[in-house]
Protein backbone atom coordinates (compact mmCIF):
# COMPACT_ATOMS: atom_id res chain seq x y z
CA MET A 1 0.00 0.00 0.00
CA LYS A 2 2.67 2.53 0.98
CA ASN A 3 4.86 1.82 -2.06
CA ARG A 4 1.88 2.31 -4.34
CA LYS A 5 1.10 5.64 -2.69
CA ILE A 6 4.68 6.85 -3.08
CA PHE A 7 4.83 5.69 -6.72
CA LYS A 8 1.48 7.34 -7.51
CA ASN A 9 2.70 10.63 -6.02
CA ILE A 10 5.89 10.51 -8.10
CA LEU A 11 3.89 9.90 -11.28
CA ASN A 12 1.51 12.73 -10.40
CA ARG A 13 4.41 15.16 -9.94
CA LYS A 14 5.91 14.12 -13.30
CA GLN A 15 2.55 14.71 -14.98
CA ILE A 16 2.27 18.12 -13.35
CA LYS A 17 5.71 19.10 -14.62
CA LYS A 18 4.91 17.78 -18.10
CA ASN A 19 1.58 19.64 -18.44
CA GLU A 20 2.61 22.91 -16.79
CA ASN A 21 3.27 24.86 -20.00
CA LYS A 22 0.03 23.68 -21.64
CA ARG A 23 -1.94 24.59 -18.55
CA LEU A 24 -0.42 28.08 -18.34
CA PHE A 25 -1.07 28.67 -22.05
CA LEU A 26 -4.71 27.57 -21.78
CA LYS A 27 -5.12 29.72 -18.66
CA TYR A 28 -3.82 32.76 -20.52
CA VAL A 29 -6.06 32.12 -23.53
CA TYR A 30 -9.06 31.40 -21.31
CA LEU A 31 -8.69 34.48 -19.13
CA HIS A 32 -7.14 37.14 -21.37
CA SER A 33 -8.12 36.54 -24.97
CA GLN A 34 -10.98 38.18 -26.83
CA ILE A 35 -12.28 35.17 -28.76
CA GLU A 36 -15.34 35.96 -30.89
CA CYS A 37 -16.38 32.39 -31.71
CA LYS A 38 -18.51 30.97 -28.88
CA ALA A 39 -17.74 27.32 -29.76
CA LEU A 40 -14.00 27.95 -29.69
CA LYS A 41 -14.26 29.81 -26.39
CA VAL A 42 -16.23 26.95 -24.82
CA LYS A 43 -13.69 24.42 -26.12
CA VAL A 44 -10.76 26.39 -24.66
CA GLN A 45 -12.63 26.73 -21.36
CA PHE A 46 -13.32 22.98 -21.26
CA LEU A 47 -9.70 22.09 -22.08
CA TYR A 48 -8.42 24.46 -19.39
CA LEU A 49 -10.70 23.04 -16.72
CA VAL A 50 -9.94 19.40 -17.62
CA LYS A 51 -6.15 19.95 -17.81
CA ASN A 52 -6.35 21.94 -14.60
CA LEU A 53 -7.88 18.96 -12.78
CA GLU A 54 -5.10 16.65 -13.98
CA SER A 55 -2.12 18.88 -13.34
CA VAL A 56 -2.63 21.07 -10.30
CA LEU A 57 0.32 21.17 -7.95
CA SER A 58 -1.87 21.57 -4.88
CA LYS A 59 -3.46 18.20 -5.65
CA SER A 60 -0.18 16.39 -5.04
CA GLN A 61 0.68 15.60 -1.44
CA THR A 62 3.91 15.81 0.45
CA ILE A 63 4.67 12.19 1.23
CA CYS A 64 7.54 10.72 3.21
CA LEU A 65 9.92 8.94 0.85
CA PHE A 66 10.61 6.15 3.32
CA SER A 67 7.36 5.46 5.15
CA GLY A 68 4.68 6.87 2.84
CA ARG A 69 3.27 8.96 5.67
CA THR A 70 1.33 12.06 4.58
CA ARG A 71 1.14 13.93 7.86
CA GLY A 72 4.00 15.60 9.66
CA VAL A 73 6.35 15.71 6.68
CA TYR A 74 9.26 18.16 6.58
CA LYS A 75 9.29 19.60 3.06
CA GLN A 76 12.99 20.42 3.16
CA PHE A 77 13.99 16.80 3.76
CA LYS A 78 10.88 15.07 2.29
CA ILE A 79 10.67 12.74 5.26
CA SER A 80 8.20 12.42 8.12
CA ARG A 81 8.92 13.68 11.62
CA ILE A 82 9.26 10.12 12.89
CA LYS A 83 11.87 9.10 10.31
CA PHE A 84 13.60 12.47 10.72
CA ARG A 85 14.06 11.86 14.43
CA GLU A 86 15.25 8.32 13.80
CA PHE A 87 17.83 9.39 11.20
CA ALA A 88 18.97 12.37 13.29
CA SER A 89 19.52 10.13 16.32
CA TYR A 90 21.78 7.81 14.34
CA GLY A 91 23.59 10.71 12.65
CA LYS A 92 22.43 9.81 9.14
CA ILE A 93 21.43 13.40 8.30
CA SER A 94 24.47 15.60 7.92
CA GLY A 95 24.40 18.89 9.81
CA VAL A 96 21.63 17.82 12.19
CA VAL A 97 22.58 17.18 15.80
CA LYS A 98 20.27 16.20 18.62
CA SER A 99 20.40 18.96 21.18
CA SER A 100 20.49 18.50 24.94
CA TRP A 101 20.70 21.08 27.68
């Protein structure tokens, strides 16, 4: 289950990157152009909305690369708080030291 979730997220991010230029072009045409033909305007609107559903960055989740956990993920390291603490304790993350006072 967790490997499938991680793989699905990776594929989703690749698709977002691939469709970004198309989506931005359709957004510009949809919002800023003065198209006279109603049928063409409706088609552009439909394409923009459909492509927007497939390739929106906010639809992708931040998922831990090791555990597949979706909550409590540090974006900088792309790992969950639990794995972060585990790796920091064993010194596997360079520059991170467990503090004690």
